[in-house]
N, C-alpha and C. Protein backbone atom coordinates (compact mmCIF):
# COMPACT_ATOMS: atom_id res chain seq x y z
N MET A 1 46.98 -36.07 -67.20
CA MET A 1 46.46 -35.26 -66.10
C MET A 1 45.86 -36.21 -65.06
N THR A 2 46.24 -36.02 -63.81
CA THR A 2 45.70 -36.84 -62.74
C THR A 2 44.32 -36.33 -62.33
N ASP A 3 43.60 -37.17 -61.60
CA ASP A 3 42.29 -36.74 -61.07
C ASP A 3 42.45 -35.53 -60.16
N PHE A 4 43.53 -35.52 -59.39
CA PHE A 4 43.79 -34.40 -58.49
C PHE A 4 43.99 -33.10 -59.29
N ASP A 5 44.76 -33.19 -60.38
CA ASP A 5 44.98 -32.02 -61.25
C ASP A 5 43.66 -31.56 -61.86
N ARG A 6 42.85 -32.52 -62.30
CA ARG A 6 41.57 -32.16 -62.92
C ARG A 6 40.67 -31.44 -61.92
N LEU A 7 40.62 -31.95 -60.70
CA LEU A 7 39.81 -31.30 -59.68
C LEU A 7 40.32 -29.88 -59.41
N THR A 8 41.62 -29.72 -59.35
CA THR A 8 42.20 -28.39 -59.13
C THR A 8 41.81 -27.44 -60.26
N ASP A 9 41.85 -27.93 -61.50
CA ASP A 9 41.43 -27.10 -62.64
C ASP A 9 39.96 -26.70 -62.53
N ILE A 10 39.11 -27.64 -62.14
CA ILE A 10 37.68 -27.35 -61.98
C ILE A 10 37.48 -26.29 -60.90
N GLU A 11 38.19 -26.45 -59.79
CA GLU A 11 38.08 -25.47 -58.71
C GLU A 11 38.56 -24.09 -59.16
N ASP A 12 39.62 -24.06 -59.95
CA ASP A 12 40.10 -22.77 -60.47
C ASP A 12 39.05 -22.11 -61.35
N ARG A 13 38.41 -22.90 -62.22
CA ARG A 13 37.36 -22.34 -63.07
C ARG A 13 36.17 -21.88 -62.23
N ALA A 14 35.87 -22.60 -61.17
CA ALA A 14 34.73 -22.24 -60.32
C ALA A 14 34.96 -20.92 -59.58
N GLN A 15 36.22 -20.51 -59.42
CA GLN A 15 36.51 -19.23 -58.78
C GLN A 15 35.92 -18.05 -59.55
N CYS A 16 35.70 -18.25 -60.85
CA CYS A 16 35.14 -17.18 -61.69
C CYS A 16 33.62 -17.06 -61.55
N LEU A 17 33.00 -18.03 -60.91
CA LEU A 17 31.55 -18.04 -60.78
C LEU A 17 31.10 -17.17 -59.63
N PRO A 18 29.85 -16.70 -59.66
CA PRO A 18 29.34 -15.91 -58.53
C PRO A 18 29.28 -16.76 -57.27
N SER A 19 29.25 -16.09 -56.13
CA SER A 19 29.26 -16.82 -54.87
C SER A 19 27.99 -17.63 -54.63
N GLY A 20 26.88 -17.18 -55.13
CA GLY A 20 25.62 -17.91 -54.95
C GLY A 20 25.23 -18.64 -56.22
N ALA A 21 24.01 -19.16 -56.22
CA ALA A 21 23.49 -19.84 -57.40
C ALA A 21 23.01 -18.79 -58.40
N TRP A 22 22.95 -19.19 -59.66
CA TRP A 22 22.30 -18.36 -60.65
C TRP A 22 20.80 -18.63 -60.53
N ARG A 23 20.02 -18.07 -61.42
CA ARG A 23 18.57 -18.32 -61.37
C ARG A 23 18.03 -18.29 -62.79
N GLN A 24 16.91 -18.94 -62.93
CA GLN A 24 16.19 -18.85 -64.20
C GLN A 24 15.36 -17.57 -64.15
N ARG A 25 15.37 -16.83 -65.23
CA ARG A 25 14.60 -15.59 -65.28
C ARG A 25 13.12 -15.93 -65.12
N SER A 26 12.45 -15.19 -64.26
CA SER A 26 11.04 -15.52 -63.96
C SER A 26 10.12 -15.34 -65.16
N THR A 27 10.43 -14.43 -66.04
CA THR A 27 9.57 -14.20 -67.20
C THR A 27 9.96 -15.07 -68.39
N ASP A 28 11.16 -15.64 -68.37
CA ASP A 28 11.59 -16.53 -69.45
C ASP A 28 12.64 -17.48 -68.87
N THR A 29 12.23 -18.68 -68.49
CA THR A 29 13.14 -19.61 -67.81
C THR A 29 14.22 -20.16 -68.73
N GLY A 30 14.15 -19.83 -70.01
CA GLY A 30 15.22 -20.22 -70.92
C GLY A 30 16.43 -19.33 -70.80
N ILE A 31 16.35 -18.30 -69.98
CA ILE A 31 17.49 -17.40 -69.74
C ILE A 31 17.96 -17.59 -68.30
N ILE A 32 19.23 -17.92 -68.17
CA ILE A 32 19.84 -18.07 -66.85
C ILE A 32 20.56 -16.76 -66.57
N GLU A 33 20.31 -16.20 -65.41
CA GLU A 33 20.90 -14.90 -65.08
C GLU A 33 21.58 -14.93 -63.73
N ASP A 34 22.47 -13.95 -63.53
CA ASP A 34 23.15 -13.83 -62.24
C ASP A 34 22.26 -13.02 -61.29
N ALA A 35 22.75 -12.74 -60.11
CA ALA A 35 21.96 -12.06 -59.09
C ALA A 35 21.54 -10.65 -59.52
N GLU A 36 22.31 -10.03 -60.42
CA GLU A 36 21.97 -8.68 -60.89
C GLU A 36 21.04 -8.70 -62.09
N GLY A 37 20.67 -9.87 -62.57
CA GLY A 37 19.77 -9.96 -63.72
C GLY A 37 20.45 -9.99 -65.07
N HIS A 38 21.79 -10.10 -65.08
CA HIS A 38 22.52 -10.18 -66.34
C HIS A 38 22.50 -11.62 -66.85
N PRO A 39 22.19 -11.82 -68.12
CA PRO A 39 22.15 -13.19 -68.66
C PRO A 39 23.55 -13.83 -68.65
N VAL A 40 23.60 -15.09 -68.25
CA VAL A 40 24.85 -15.84 -68.30
C VAL A 40 24.72 -17.01 -69.27
N ALA A 41 23.51 -17.44 -69.57
CA ALA A 41 23.27 -18.50 -70.54
C ALA A 41 21.87 -18.31 -71.11
N ILE A 42 21.74 -18.55 -72.40
CA ILE A 42 20.43 -18.46 -73.04
C ILE A 42 20.16 -19.81 -73.68
N LEU A 43 19.11 -20.46 -73.21
CA LEU A 43 18.75 -21.79 -73.70
C LEU A 43 17.68 -21.71 -74.79
N GLY A 44 17.17 -20.55 -75.00
CA GLY A 44 16.07 -20.35 -75.93
C GLY A 44 14.90 -19.79 -75.15
N THR A 45 13.86 -19.43 -75.83
CA THR A 45 12.70 -18.90 -75.12
C THR A 45 11.78 -20.03 -74.74
N SER A 46 11.30 -19.99 -73.53
CA SER A 46 10.43 -21.06 -73.06
C SER A 46 9.24 -20.53 -72.29
N GLY A 47 9.15 -19.24 -72.17
CA GLY A 47 8.08 -18.69 -71.36
C GLY A 47 8.36 -18.98 -69.90
N GLU A 48 7.32 -19.37 -69.19
CA GLU A 48 7.46 -19.61 -67.76
C GLU A 48 7.63 -21.08 -67.40
N ALA A 49 7.62 -21.98 -68.39
CA ALA A 49 7.79 -23.41 -68.11
C ALA A 49 9.20 -23.67 -67.60
N ARG A 50 9.33 -24.46 -66.53
CA ARG A 50 10.64 -24.75 -65.96
C ARG A 50 11.39 -25.69 -66.92
N LEU A 51 12.64 -25.40 -67.15
CA LEU A 51 13.48 -26.24 -68.01
C LEU A 51 14.47 -27.00 -67.13
N PRO A 52 14.50 -28.33 -67.26
CA PRO A 52 15.46 -29.09 -66.44
C PRO A 52 16.91 -28.63 -66.65
N LEU A 53 17.30 -28.36 -67.90
CA LEU A 53 18.67 -27.90 -68.14
C LEU A 53 18.89 -26.55 -67.47
N GLY A 54 17.88 -25.71 -67.50
CA GLY A 54 17.97 -24.41 -66.82
C GLY A 54 18.14 -24.57 -65.32
N GLU A 55 17.41 -25.51 -64.74
CA GLU A 55 17.54 -25.78 -63.30
C GLU A 55 18.97 -26.23 -62.99
N PHE A 56 19.48 -27.12 -63.85
CA PHE A 56 20.84 -27.62 -63.66
C PHE A 56 21.85 -26.48 -63.72
N LEU A 57 21.76 -25.66 -64.76
CA LEU A 57 22.71 -24.55 -64.91
C LEU A 57 22.57 -23.52 -63.80
N ALA A 58 21.33 -23.26 -63.38
CA ALA A 58 21.11 -22.26 -62.34
C ALA A 58 21.79 -22.66 -61.03
N GLN A 59 21.85 -23.94 -60.75
CA GLN A 59 22.46 -24.42 -59.50
C GLN A 59 23.94 -24.78 -59.66
N ALA A 60 24.47 -24.74 -60.89
CA ALA A 60 25.84 -25.19 -61.16
C ALA A 60 26.91 -24.57 -60.25
N PRO A 61 26.92 -23.25 -60.05
CA PRO A 61 27.99 -22.69 -59.22
C PRO A 61 28.03 -23.29 -57.81
N VAL A 62 26.88 -23.39 -57.18
CA VAL A 62 26.81 -23.94 -55.82
C VAL A 62 27.11 -25.44 -55.84
N ASP A 63 26.54 -26.15 -56.81
CA ASP A 63 26.72 -27.60 -56.89
C ASP A 63 28.17 -27.99 -57.15
N VAL A 64 28.84 -27.27 -58.06
CA VAL A 64 30.23 -27.59 -58.38
C VAL A 64 31.12 -27.39 -57.15
N ARG A 65 30.92 -26.31 -56.45
CA ARG A 65 31.73 -26.07 -55.23
C ARG A 65 31.46 -27.15 -54.18
N TRP A 66 30.20 -27.51 -54.00
CA TRP A 66 29.85 -28.52 -53.01
C TRP A 66 30.48 -29.86 -53.40
N LEU A 67 30.34 -30.26 -54.67
CA LEU A 67 30.90 -31.54 -55.11
C LEU A 67 32.42 -31.57 -54.96
N ALA A 68 33.09 -30.48 -55.33
CA ALA A 68 34.55 -30.43 -55.20
C ALA A 68 34.96 -30.56 -53.74
N ASN A 69 34.25 -29.88 -52.85
CA ASN A 69 34.56 -29.97 -51.42
C ASN A 69 34.34 -31.39 -50.90
N GLU A 70 33.24 -32.00 -51.28
CA GLU A 70 32.96 -33.38 -50.85
C GLU A 70 34.03 -34.34 -51.37
N LEU A 71 34.46 -34.15 -52.62
CA LEU A 71 35.47 -35.03 -53.20
C LEU A 71 36.80 -34.87 -52.48
N ARG A 72 37.20 -33.64 -52.22
CA ARG A 72 38.46 -33.43 -51.48
C ARG A 72 38.39 -34.06 -50.09
N THR A 73 37.25 -33.90 -49.42
CA THR A 73 37.08 -34.51 -48.09
C THR A 73 37.19 -36.03 -48.18
N ALA A 74 36.52 -36.62 -49.16
CA ALA A 74 36.55 -38.08 -49.32
C ALA A 74 37.97 -38.55 -49.63
N TRP A 75 38.68 -37.84 -50.51
CA TRP A 75 40.06 -38.22 -50.82
C TRP A 75 40.93 -38.14 -49.58
N GLY A 76 40.72 -37.13 -48.76
CA GLY A 76 41.49 -37.01 -47.52
C GLY A 76 41.23 -38.17 -46.58
N LEU A 77 39.96 -38.55 -46.44
CA LEU A 77 39.62 -39.69 -45.58
C LEU A 77 40.21 -40.98 -46.13
N LEU A 78 40.16 -41.14 -47.44
CA LEU A 78 40.71 -42.34 -48.06
C LEU A 78 42.22 -42.42 -47.86
N ALA A 79 42.90 -41.30 -48.03
CA ALA A 79 44.35 -41.28 -47.82
C ALA A 79 44.68 -41.64 -46.38
N GLY A 80 43.91 -41.09 -45.43
CA GLY A 80 44.12 -41.43 -44.02
C GLY A 80 43.88 -42.90 -43.75
N ALA A 81 42.85 -43.46 -44.37
CA ALA A 81 42.55 -44.88 -44.18
C ALA A 81 43.66 -45.74 -44.75
N ARG A 82 44.21 -45.35 -45.89
CA ARG A 82 45.30 -46.12 -46.48
C ARG A 82 46.53 -46.09 -45.58
N ILE A 83 46.84 -44.95 -45.03
CA ILE A 83 48.01 -44.85 -44.14
C ILE A 83 47.78 -45.70 -42.90
N ASP A 84 46.54 -45.71 -42.40
CA ASP A 84 46.25 -46.51 -41.22
C ASP A 84 46.42 -48.00 -41.48
N LEU A 85 46.34 -48.44 -42.73
CA LEU A 85 46.52 -49.85 -43.07
C LEU A 85 47.99 -50.25 -43.14
N ALA A 86 48.87 -49.29 -43.28
CA ALA A 86 50.29 -49.59 -43.43
C ALA A 86 50.84 -50.24 -42.16
N THR A 87 51.70 -51.22 -42.37
CA THR A 87 52.35 -51.88 -41.24
C THR A 87 53.82 -51.51 -41.14
N GLU A 88 54.36 -50.88 -42.20
CA GLU A 88 55.73 -50.41 -42.13
C GLU A 88 55.95 -49.30 -43.14
N PHE A 89 56.96 -48.50 -42.84
CA PHE A 89 57.41 -47.43 -43.73
C PHE A 89 58.91 -47.59 -43.88
N ARG A 90 59.41 -47.35 -45.07
CA ARG A 90 60.84 -47.49 -45.35
C ARG A 90 61.43 -46.12 -45.62
N VAL A 91 62.47 -45.79 -44.88
CA VAL A 91 63.15 -44.51 -45.03
C VAL A 91 64.53 -44.81 -45.62
N PRO A 92 64.77 -44.42 -46.86
CA PRO A 92 66.07 -44.73 -47.47
C PRO A 92 67.20 -43.94 -46.83
N VAL A 93 68.33 -44.62 -46.72
CA VAL A 93 69.56 -43.94 -46.31
C VAL A 93 69.98 -43.15 -47.54
N PRO A 94 70.35 -41.88 -47.40
CA PRO A 94 70.67 -41.04 -48.57
C PRO A 94 71.59 -41.73 -49.58
N VAL A 95 71.24 -41.57 -50.84
CA VAL A 95 71.94 -42.21 -51.95
C VAL A 95 73.40 -41.81 -51.96
N GLY A 96 74.23 -42.75 -52.34
CA GLY A 96 75.65 -42.47 -52.46
C GLY A 96 76.42 -42.67 -51.16
N SER A 97 75.72 -42.90 -50.07
CA SER A 97 76.42 -43.04 -48.80
C SER A 97 76.85 -44.48 -48.56
N ALA A 98 76.22 -45.42 -49.22
CA ALA A 98 76.57 -46.82 -49.05
C ALA A 98 76.95 -47.38 -50.41
N GLY A 99 77.53 -48.56 -50.41
CA GLY A 99 77.90 -49.19 -51.66
C GLY A 99 76.68 -49.64 -52.45
N GLY A 100 75.55 -49.77 -51.81
CA GLY A 100 74.32 -50.19 -52.46
C GLY A 100 73.15 -49.50 -51.79
N TYR A 101 72.01 -50.15 -51.81
CA TYR A 101 70.81 -49.57 -51.23
C TYR A 101 70.74 -49.89 -49.74
N ALA A 102 70.35 -48.93 -48.94
CA ALA A 102 70.18 -49.14 -47.50
C ALA A 102 68.94 -48.38 -47.06
N GLU A 103 68.30 -48.87 -46.02
CA GLU A 103 67.10 -48.20 -45.52
C GLU A 103 66.92 -48.49 -44.04
N VAL A 104 66.14 -47.63 -43.41
CA VAL A 104 65.71 -47.81 -42.03
C VAL A 104 64.21 -48.10 -42.13
N VAL A 105 63.75 -49.10 -41.38
CA VAL A 105 62.35 -49.53 -41.50
C VAL A 105 61.60 -49.20 -40.21
N VAL A 106 60.47 -48.54 -40.38
CA VAL A 106 59.58 -48.25 -39.26
C VAL A 106 58.49 -49.31 -39.29
N ARG A 107 58.39 -50.09 -38.20
CA ARG A 107 57.43 -51.20 -38.16
C ARG A 107 56.41 -50.99 -37.05
N ARG A 108 55.18 -51.41 -37.35
CA ARG A 108 54.10 -51.35 -36.36
C ARG A 108 54.08 -52.64 -35.55
N ASP A 109 53.73 -52.53 -34.27
CA ASP A 109 53.62 -53.73 -33.44
C ASP A 109 52.36 -54.50 -33.82
N ASP A 110 52.21 -55.69 -33.27
CA ASP A 110 51.08 -56.56 -33.61
C ASP A 110 49.74 -55.95 -33.24
N GLN A 111 49.69 -55.13 -32.21
CA GLN A 111 48.45 -54.49 -31.79
C GLN A 111 48.15 -53.23 -32.59
N GLY A 112 49.10 -52.75 -33.35
CA GLY A 112 48.90 -51.59 -34.20
C GLY A 112 48.93 -50.26 -33.50
N GLU A 113 49.39 -50.23 -32.26
CA GLU A 113 49.39 -48.99 -31.50
C GLU A 113 50.73 -48.27 -31.53
N LEU A 114 51.81 -49.02 -31.38
CA LEU A 114 53.14 -48.42 -31.27
C LEU A 114 54.03 -48.89 -32.40
N TRP A 115 55.11 -48.13 -32.63
CA TRP A 115 56.00 -48.37 -33.75
C TRP A 115 57.44 -48.44 -33.26
N ALA A 116 58.27 -49.20 -34.02
CA ALA A 116 59.69 -49.30 -33.74
C ALA A 116 60.47 -48.84 -34.97
N VAL A 117 61.66 -48.32 -34.73
CA VAL A 117 62.59 -47.99 -35.81
C VAL A 117 63.57 -49.16 -35.86
N THR A 118 63.58 -49.87 -37.01
CA THR A 118 64.36 -51.10 -37.09
C THR A 118 65.33 -51.07 -38.26
N ASP A 119 66.18 -52.10 -38.29
CA ASP A 119 67.12 -52.27 -39.41
C ASP A 119 66.48 -53.07 -40.53
N GLY A 120 65.25 -53.53 -40.36
CA GLY A 120 64.52 -54.23 -41.42
C GLY A 120 64.84 -55.70 -41.55
N ALA A 121 65.67 -56.25 -40.70
CA ALA A 121 66.04 -57.65 -40.82
C ALA A 121 64.84 -58.57 -40.56
N LEU A 122 64.83 -59.72 -41.25
CA LEU A 122 63.77 -60.70 -41.01
C LEU A 122 64.08 -61.54 -39.78
N THR A 123 65.36 -61.81 -39.56
CA THR A 123 65.79 -62.51 -38.35
C THR A 123 66.87 -61.66 -37.70
N GLY A 124 66.99 -61.74 -36.40
CA GLY A 124 67.98 -60.93 -35.71
C GLY A 124 67.64 -59.44 -35.80
N LEU A 125 66.36 -59.14 -35.72
CA LEU A 125 65.88 -57.76 -35.86
C LEU A 125 66.48 -56.86 -34.79
N ARG A 126 66.99 -55.71 -35.25
CA ARG A 126 67.51 -54.72 -34.32
C ARG A 126 66.62 -53.48 -34.36
N ALA A 127 66.49 -52.84 -33.21
CA ALA A 127 65.71 -51.60 -33.11
C ALA A 127 66.62 -50.49 -32.61
N TRP A 128 66.28 -49.28 -33.04
CA TRP A 128 67.03 -48.10 -32.60
C TRP A 128 66.47 -47.67 -31.25
N VAL A 129 67.29 -47.78 -30.21
CA VAL A 129 66.85 -47.44 -28.86
C VAL A 129 67.97 -46.66 -28.17
N ASP A 130 67.63 -45.53 -27.62
CA ASP A 130 68.57 -44.72 -26.86
C ASP A 130 69.87 -44.44 -27.63
N GLY A 131 69.75 -44.10 -28.91
CA GLY A 131 70.90 -43.67 -29.69
C GLY A 131 71.73 -44.78 -30.31
N GLY A 132 71.24 -46.00 -30.33
CA GLY A 132 71.99 -47.09 -30.95
C GLY A 132 71.11 -48.28 -31.28
N TRP A 133 71.69 -49.23 -32.02
CA TRP A 133 70.98 -50.44 -32.41
C TRP A 133 71.06 -51.49 -31.31
N SER A 134 69.93 -52.10 -30.99
CA SER A 134 69.88 -53.20 -30.02
C SER A 134 69.00 -54.30 -30.59
N TYR A 135 69.39 -55.54 -30.33
CA TYR A 135 68.56 -56.66 -30.77
C TYR A 135 67.27 -56.66 -29.98
N VAL A 136 66.15 -56.80 -30.69
CA VAL A 136 64.84 -56.81 -30.04
C VAL A 136 64.77 -57.98 -29.07
N SER A 137 65.40 -59.10 -29.42
CA SER A 137 65.39 -60.27 -28.53
C SER A 137 66.10 -59.98 -27.20
N ASP A 138 67.02 -59.02 -27.20
CA ASP A 138 67.74 -58.66 -25.98
C ASP A 138 66.97 -57.64 -25.14
N ILE A 139 66.33 -56.69 -25.78
CA ILE A 139 65.69 -55.60 -25.02
C ILE A 139 64.19 -55.79 -24.81
N GLY A 140 63.58 -56.68 -25.58
CA GLY A 140 62.14 -56.92 -25.46
C GLY A 140 61.35 -56.01 -26.39
N ARG A 141 60.18 -56.49 -26.78
CA ARG A 141 59.33 -55.75 -27.72
C ARG A 141 58.84 -54.42 -27.14
N ALA A 142 58.58 -54.39 -25.86
CA ALA A 142 58.07 -53.16 -25.24
C ALA A 142 59.09 -52.03 -25.35
N ALA A 143 60.37 -52.35 -25.22
CA ALA A 143 61.40 -51.32 -25.33
C ALA A 143 61.59 -50.90 -26.79
N ALA A 144 61.41 -51.83 -27.73
CA ALA A 144 61.61 -51.53 -29.15
C ALA A 144 60.44 -50.75 -29.74
N PHE A 145 59.22 -51.18 -29.43
CA PHE A 145 58.02 -50.54 -29.99
C PHE A 145 57.55 -49.49 -29.00
N ARG A 146 58.04 -48.27 -29.20
CA ARG A 146 57.85 -47.24 -28.18
C ARG A 146 57.33 -45.92 -28.71
N TRP A 147 57.23 -45.76 -30.04
CA TRP A 147 56.86 -44.48 -30.61
C TRP A 147 55.49 -44.50 -31.28
N THR A 148 54.94 -43.31 -31.45
CA THR A 148 53.79 -43.16 -32.33
C THR A 148 54.30 -43.31 -33.76
N ARG A 149 53.42 -43.48 -34.72
CA ARG A 149 53.83 -43.60 -36.11
C ARG A 149 54.62 -42.37 -36.54
N GLU A 150 54.07 -41.19 -36.27
CA GLU A 150 54.72 -39.95 -36.69
C GLU A 150 56.07 -39.78 -36.01
N GLY A 151 56.14 -40.09 -34.72
CA GLY A 151 57.40 -39.98 -33.99
C GLY A 151 58.45 -40.93 -34.52
N ALA A 152 58.03 -42.16 -34.83
CA ALA A 152 58.98 -43.15 -35.35
C ALA A 152 59.51 -42.75 -36.72
N ILE A 153 58.68 -42.16 -37.54
CA ILE A 153 59.14 -41.72 -38.87
C ILE A 153 60.17 -40.61 -38.73
N VAL A 154 59.94 -39.70 -37.81
CA VAL A 154 60.92 -38.62 -37.58
C VAL A 154 62.25 -39.22 -37.10
N VAL A 155 62.19 -40.14 -36.15
CA VAL A 155 63.41 -40.77 -35.64
C VAL A 155 64.10 -41.55 -36.76
N ALA A 156 63.33 -42.25 -37.59
CA ALA A 156 63.91 -43.02 -38.70
C ALA A 156 64.66 -42.11 -39.67
N GLN A 157 64.13 -40.93 -39.93
CA GLN A 157 64.83 -39.99 -40.81
C GLN A 157 66.15 -39.54 -40.19
N GLN A 158 66.15 -39.33 -38.89
CA GLN A 158 67.38 -38.94 -38.19
C GLN A 158 68.39 -40.09 -38.23
N VAL A 159 67.91 -41.32 -38.01
CA VAL A 159 68.79 -42.49 -38.02
C VAL A 159 69.36 -42.70 -39.42
N ALA A 160 68.55 -42.50 -40.46
CA ALA A 160 69.04 -42.66 -41.83
C ALA A 160 70.18 -41.69 -42.10
N ALA A 161 70.07 -40.47 -41.62
CA ALA A 161 71.14 -39.49 -41.79
C ALA A 161 72.40 -39.92 -41.03
N LEU A 162 72.22 -40.44 -39.81
CA LEU A 162 73.36 -40.93 -39.03
C LEU A 162 74.03 -42.11 -39.73
N GLU A 163 73.21 -43.02 -40.25
CA GLU A 163 73.75 -44.20 -40.94
C GLU A 163 74.52 -43.77 -42.19
N ALA A 164 74.02 -42.78 -42.90
CA ALA A 164 74.73 -42.29 -44.08
C ALA A 164 76.12 -41.80 -43.70
N GLY A 165 76.20 -41.07 -42.58
CA GLY A 165 77.49 -40.59 -42.10
C GLY A 165 78.42 -41.75 -41.73
N SER A 166 77.87 -42.76 -41.08
CA SER A 166 78.67 -43.94 -40.71
C SER A 166 79.20 -44.65 -41.94
N TYR A 167 78.35 -44.81 -42.96
CA TYR A 167 78.78 -45.47 -44.20
C TYR A 167 79.88 -44.68 -44.89
N ARG A 168 79.74 -43.36 -44.91
CA ARG A 168 80.76 -42.51 -45.55
C ARG A 168 82.10 -42.63 -44.81
N ARG A 169 82.05 -42.62 -43.48
CA ARG A 169 83.29 -42.75 -42.70
C ARG A 169 83.92 -44.12 -42.91
N ALA A 170 83.10 -45.17 -42.96
CA ALA A 170 83.64 -46.52 -43.17
C ALA A 170 84.25 -46.63 -44.56
N ALA A 171 83.59 -46.05 -45.56
CA ALA A 171 84.12 -46.11 -46.92
C ALA A 171 85.43 -45.34 -47.02
N ALA A 172 85.51 -44.19 -46.36
CA ALA A 172 86.74 -43.40 -46.37
C ALA A 172 87.86 -44.16 -45.67
N GLY A 173 87.55 -44.83 -44.57
CA GLY A 173 88.55 -45.62 -43.86
C GLY A 173 89.04 -46.79 -44.69
N ALA A 174 88.12 -47.44 -45.41
CA ALA A 174 88.50 -48.57 -46.26
C ALA A 174 89.38 -48.10 -47.40
N LYS A 175 89.09 -46.93 -47.95
CA LYS A 175 89.89 -46.37 -49.04
C LYS A 175 91.29 -46.05 -48.55
N ASP A 176 91.41 -45.47 -47.35
CA ASP A 176 92.72 -45.15 -46.79
C ASP A 176 93.54 -46.41 -46.55
N THR A 177 92.89 -47.47 -46.04
CA THR A 177 93.57 -48.73 -45.76
C THR A 177 94.03 -49.40 -47.04
N SER A 178 93.18 -49.38 -48.09
CA SER A 178 93.55 -50.06 -49.33
C SER A 178 94.65 -49.32 -50.08
N SER A 179 94.76 -48.02 -49.92
CA SER A 179 95.80 -47.27 -50.63
C SER A 179 97.10 -47.22 -49.84
N ALA A 180 97.09 -47.65 -48.61
CA ALA A 180 98.29 -47.55 -47.77
C ALA A 180 99.41 -48.45 -48.26
N GLY A 181 99.07 -49.61 -48.84
CA GLY A 181 100.09 -50.56 -49.27
C GLY A 181 100.58 -50.32 -50.70
N ARG A 182 100.02 -49.40 -51.41
CA ARG A 182 100.42 -49.13 -52.81
C ARG A 182 101.81 -48.48 -52.86
N GLY A 183 102.52 -48.83 -53.89
CA GLY A 183 103.83 -48.22 -54.13
C GLY A 183 104.94 -48.86 -53.31
N THR A 184 104.65 -49.87 -52.54
CA THR A 184 105.69 -50.51 -51.73
C THR A 184 106.08 -51.86 -52.31
N GLY A 185 105.52 -52.21 -53.47
CA GLY A 185 105.85 -53.48 -54.09
C GLY A 185 105.06 -54.63 -53.51
N GLN A 186 104.12 -54.35 -52.69
CA GLN A 186 103.34 -55.43 -52.07
C GLN A 186 102.19 -55.83 -52.94
């Protein structure tokens, strides 16, 4: 079970709790009761002396909801921070479309503001610009790094689908060419 699953289970159990806090019974703080005075936990008789465990249980419904909300918020901020640290995203070209593995790479510029959709090459890097691949050295970095992160990821997904189609057409053409000479004794 992941931490996320565990938190979800805790939140599900908390749905059964009353909307407010419980309270210690004023005449016997060893009894924890709901807003209508029905006992929900009995710790024993203690008279009017405050019991730390009773205080804890009385506040449990409100505290559990607050803690779960704070944890979800913190996890969301952490996930956002991790994404902000990324310098590239890889979008695979759909499986089976190429003879091996292929991907489109979304890269962040050096300033971290804009993103390019690239072929992932270490040298001779090409970027997807105006419906086709162009060498970054030919068009310049400003033309290549032109999208927001989210926009570049969307474009990369579209390019991956286009590339898959190109690979399929090339493979079909190669198959037609290789079978053309069969049966002629060549």
